[in-house]
Amino acid sequence: MKPTFFTTVAVAMLLPGPALAEPATRTITVDTPNYSGERVITRDRETGTYSRDTNITRKEDGAVATRHWESQRTDTGRTMSGSQTRFNGDTRTYEGERMRHGNHSRTHGTTTGPNGETLDYRAQSRWNGNGYDRRQRLRNEDGQVVAGRNTHVRERGNTQVRRVVSGNRNGARRVTTTRRTVNRRSRRGR
């Protein structure tokens, strides 16, 4: 008797799968004329955890910059936290949560700068069949918007058009539009 598709799947599910259950860690080494260091990325799909640790040393004076980021999957989305220390010793921290509902998500977080200033971060994203829209705002303790960005991405055929409008507290505004080809594998087969 030939094994059916369902029998094959059932046997595969019973076999031990350490590759799926174990966290995957990847290390990226940085070595340029001015900087050296490494980034360690760890992802555990089973528990929904992700972390990224970066340590970079500036060769001219030995100053060190670090960045730590971690996130944890939840029933409604994901929690995130991290910190960044620059070469001059300034440190910034972030804590937030992203909640997903169908084809859209909302993110709320707080970032604290080296001078103790706290900024409120809020973002909304919405996906549809051919792209997504994302709106991000950073507000100071008085509720004033100090930075913002709107991203609009659409795919038509094998072309993706990405338009980003960003601005800061000084009113400076920048608009960038990029086009790129997507689905390269399917194009090769034609």
Protein backbone atom coordinates (compact mmCIF):
# COMPACT_ATOMS: atom_id res chain seq x y z
CA MET A 1 0.00 0.00 0.00
CA LYS A 2 1.35 3.44 -0.96
CA PRO A 3 1.52 6.03 1.82
CA THR A 4 -0.96 8.84 1.41
CA PHE A 5 -0.19 12.51 1.85
CA PHE A 6 -1.90 12.56 5.24
CA THR A 7 0.07 9.51 6.44
CA THR A 8 3.33 11.18 5.44
CA VAL A 9 2.38 14.37 7.27
CA ALA A 10 1.34 12.44 10.39
CA VAL A 11 4.67 10.55 10.47
CA ALA A 12 6.59 13.81 9.98
CA MET A 13 4.72 15.37 12.91
CA LEU A 14 5.67 12.45 15.19
CA LEU A 15 9.38 12.60 14.33
CA PRO A 16 11.52 14.75 16.61
CA GLY A 17 12.19 18.19 15.19
CA PRO A 18 15.00 19.87 17.11
CA ALA A 19 15.53 22.45 14.38
CA LEU A 20 12.03 23.82 14.94
CA ALA A 21 12.14 23.75 18.74
CA GLU A 22 15.58 25.24 19.33
CA PRO A 23 16.36 28.94 19.19
CA ALA A 24 18.35 30.00 16.13
CA THR A 25 21.32 32.28 16.74
CA ARG A 26 23.23 34.15 14.06
CA THR A 27 26.34 36.28 14.54
CA ILE A 28 27.32 39.02 12.10
CA THR A 29 30.89 40.34 12.32
CA VAL A 30 31.68 43.98 11.52
CA ASP A 31 35.23 44.93 10.52
CA THR A 32 35.76 48.17 8.60
CA PRO A 33 38.69 50.58 8.56
CA ASN A 34 36.96 52.66 11.28
CA TYR A 35 34.85 50.19 13.30
CA SER A 36 34.82 46.60 14.54
CA GLY A 37 32.32 44.54 16.47
CA GLU A 38 29.50 42.09 16.12
CA ARG A 39 25.75 41.68 16.12
CA VAL A 40 24.13 38.60 17.66
CA ILE A 41 20.55 37.79 16.63
CA THR A 42 18.56 35.11 18.44
CA ARG A 43 15.07 33.99 17.40
CA ASP A 44 12.93 31.33 19.02
CA ARG A 45 9.85 30.75 16.88
CA GLU A 46 8.25 28.37 19.37
CA THR A 47 8.23 30.84 22.26
CA GLY A 48 7.94 33.92 20.04
CA THR A 49 11.06 35.64 21.39
CA TYR A 50 13.53 37.71 19.38
CA SER A 51 16.65 39.57 20.52
CA ARG A 52 19.39 41.54 18.80
CA ASP A 53 22.58 42.71 20.53
CA THR A 54 25.13 44.93 18.79
CA ASN A 55 28.52 46.02 20.12
CA ILE A 56 30.67 48.30 17.94
CA THR A 57 34.10 49.73 18.82
CA ARG A 58 35.46 52.83 17.12
CA LYS A 59 39.08 52.03 16.27
CA GLU A 60 40.53 55.53 16.53
CA ASP A 61 39.81 55.96 20.25
CA GLY A 62 38.32 52.67 21.51
CA ALA A 63 34.88 54.20 22.19
CA VAL A 64 32.10 51.61 22.33
CA ALA A 65 28.49 51.88 21.12
CA THR A 66 25.90 49.26 22.01
CA ARG A 67 22.34 48.49 21.05
CA HIS A 68 20.00 45.91 22.58
CA TRP A 69 16.54 45.02 21.27
CA GLU A 70 14.13 42.31 22.34
CA SER A 71 10.54 41.42 21.66
CA GLN A 72 8.06 38.83 22.85
CA ARG A 73 4.96 37.51 21.08
CA THR A 74 1.69 37.88 23.01
CA ASP A 75 -1.91 36.77 22.42
CA THR A 76 -2.74 40.14 20.85
CA GLY A 77 0.56 41.10 19.22
CA ARG A 78 4.04 41.76 20.61
CA THR A 79 5.87 43.60 23.39
CA MET A 80 9.17 45.34 22.63
CA SER A 81 11.97 46.97 24.58
CA GLY A 82 15.48 48.11 23.95
CA SER A 83 18.32 50.49 24.68
CA GLN A 84 21.01 52.25 22.70
CA THR A 85 24.27 53.78 23.95
CA ARG A 86 26.20 56.00 21.55
CA PHE A 87 29.98 56.44 21.37
CA ASN A 88 29.74 59.55 23.58
CA GLY A 89 27.93 57.60 26.34
CA ASP A 90 24.43 59.01 25.70
CA THR A 91 21.79 56.32 26.32
CA ARG A 92 18.24 56.08 25.02
CA THR A 93 15.67 53.45 26.05
CA TYR A 94 12.39 52.26 24.52
CA GLU A 95 9.42 50.20 25.71
CA GLY A 96 6.28 49.51 23.74
CA GLU A 97 3.56 47.16 22.60
CA ARG A 98 2.09 46.33 19.20
CA MET A 99 -1.47 45.01 18.97
CA ARG A 100 -2.75 43.35 15.81
CA HIS A 101 -6.39 43.16 14.74
CA GLY A 102 -7.03 41.50 11.38
CA ASN A 103 -5.35 43.56 8.70
CA HIS A 104 -4.21 46.45 10.89
CA SER A 105 -2.04 47.07 13.94
CA ARG A 106 -1.47 49.80 16.52
CA THR A 107 1.77 50.46 18.36
CA HIS A 108 2.26 52.54 21.47
CA GLY A 109 5.59 53.09 23.18
CA THR A 110 7.73 55.42 25.23
CA THR A 111 11.32 56.44 24.59
CA THR A 112 13.52 58.19 27.12
CA GLY A 113 16.57 60.16 25.98
CA PRO A 114 19.90 60.85 27.67
CA ASN A 115 18.63 64.15 29.12
CA GLY A 116 15.61 62.44 30.71
CA GLU A 117 13.14 63.76 28.12
CA THR A 118 10.33 61.28 27.51
CA LEU A 119 8.72 60.98 24.09
CA ASP A 120 5.48 59.18 23.23
CA TYR A 121 5.54 56.99 20.10
CA ARG A 122 2.37 55.92 18.30
CA ALA A 123 1.95 54.12 14.98
CA GLN A 124 -0.84 52.59 12.91
CA SER A 125 -0.45 50.18 10.01
CA ARG A 126 -3.04 48.81 7.62
CA TRP A 127 -2.51 46.12 4.96
CA ASN A 128 -4.53 45.29 1.90
CA GLY A 129 -4.09 42.94 -1.03
CA ASN A 130 -1.47 45.05 -2.79
CA GLY A 131 0.43 46.99 -0.10
CA TYR A 132 0.21 48.83 3.20
CA ASP A 133 -0.02 52.27 4.80
CA ARG A 134 1.83 53.21 7.99
CA ARG A 135 1.54 56.40 10.04
CA GLN A 136 4.07 57.14 12.81
CA ARG A 137 4.16 60.06 15.28
CA LEU A 138 6.58 61.05 18.05
CA ARG A 139 5.25 63.55 20.62
CA ASN A 140 6.98 65.37 23.45
CA GLU A 141 5.68 65.66 27.03
CA ASP A 142 3.51 68.64 26.00
CA GLY A 143 1.77 66.55 23.32
CA GLN A 144 3.40 68.37 20.40
CA VAL A 145 4.48 66.32 17.39
CA VAL A 146 8.30 66.47 17.13
CA ALA A 147 8.67 63.97 14.27
CA GLY A 148 6.38 62.05 11.97
CA ARG A 149 6.43 59.75 8.98
CA ASN A 150 3.77 58.44 6.61
CA THR A 151 4.64 55.43 4.44
CA HIS A 152 2.51 54.34 1.47
CA VAL A 153 3.53 51.11 -0.35
CA ARG A 154 1.75 49.60 -3.34
CA GLU A 155 2.60 46.66 -5.60
CA ARG A 156 1.34 46.56 -9.16
CA GLY A 157 2.47 43.58 -11.17
CA ASN A 158 6.20 43.23 -10.61
CA THR A 159 6.72 46.81 -9.45
CA GLN A 160 6.62 48.10 -5.89
CA VAL A 161 6.20 51.85 -5.34
CA ARG A 162 7.13 53.17 -1.90
CA ARG A 163 6.40 56.81 -0.96
CA VAL A 164 7.62 58.18 2.38
CA VAL A 165 6.75 61.63 3.73
CA SER A 166 8.69 62.57 6.87
CA GLY A 167 9.09 65.71 8.93
CA ASN A 168 10.51 67.04 12.18
CA ARG A 169 9.73 69.65 14.84
CA ASN A 170 11.37 72.41 12.75
CA GLY A 171 8.91 71.90 9.91
CA ALA A 172 11.50 70.30 7.64
CA ARG A 173 9.74 67.91 5.28
CA ARG A 174 11.15 65.25 3.00
CA VAL A 175 9.36 63.14 0.41
CA THR A 176 11.03 60.10 -1.13
CA THR A 177 9.57 57.78 -3.74
CA THR A 178 11.27 54.56 -4.81
CA ARG A 179 10.34 51.94 -7.36
CA ARG A 180 11.73 48.45 -7.42
CA THR A 181 11.08 45.16 -9.13
CA VAL A 182 9.62 42.36 -7.01
CA ASN A 183 8.87 38.68 -7.64
CA ARG A 184 12.21 38.16 -9.41
CA ARG A 185 11.90 34.34 -9.31
CA SER A 186 8.60 34.34 -11.18
CA ARG A 187 10.07 36.72 -13.77
CA ARG A 188 13.01 34.37 -14.43
CA GLY A 189 10.63 31.53 -15.24
CA ARG A 190 8.92 33.46 -18.03
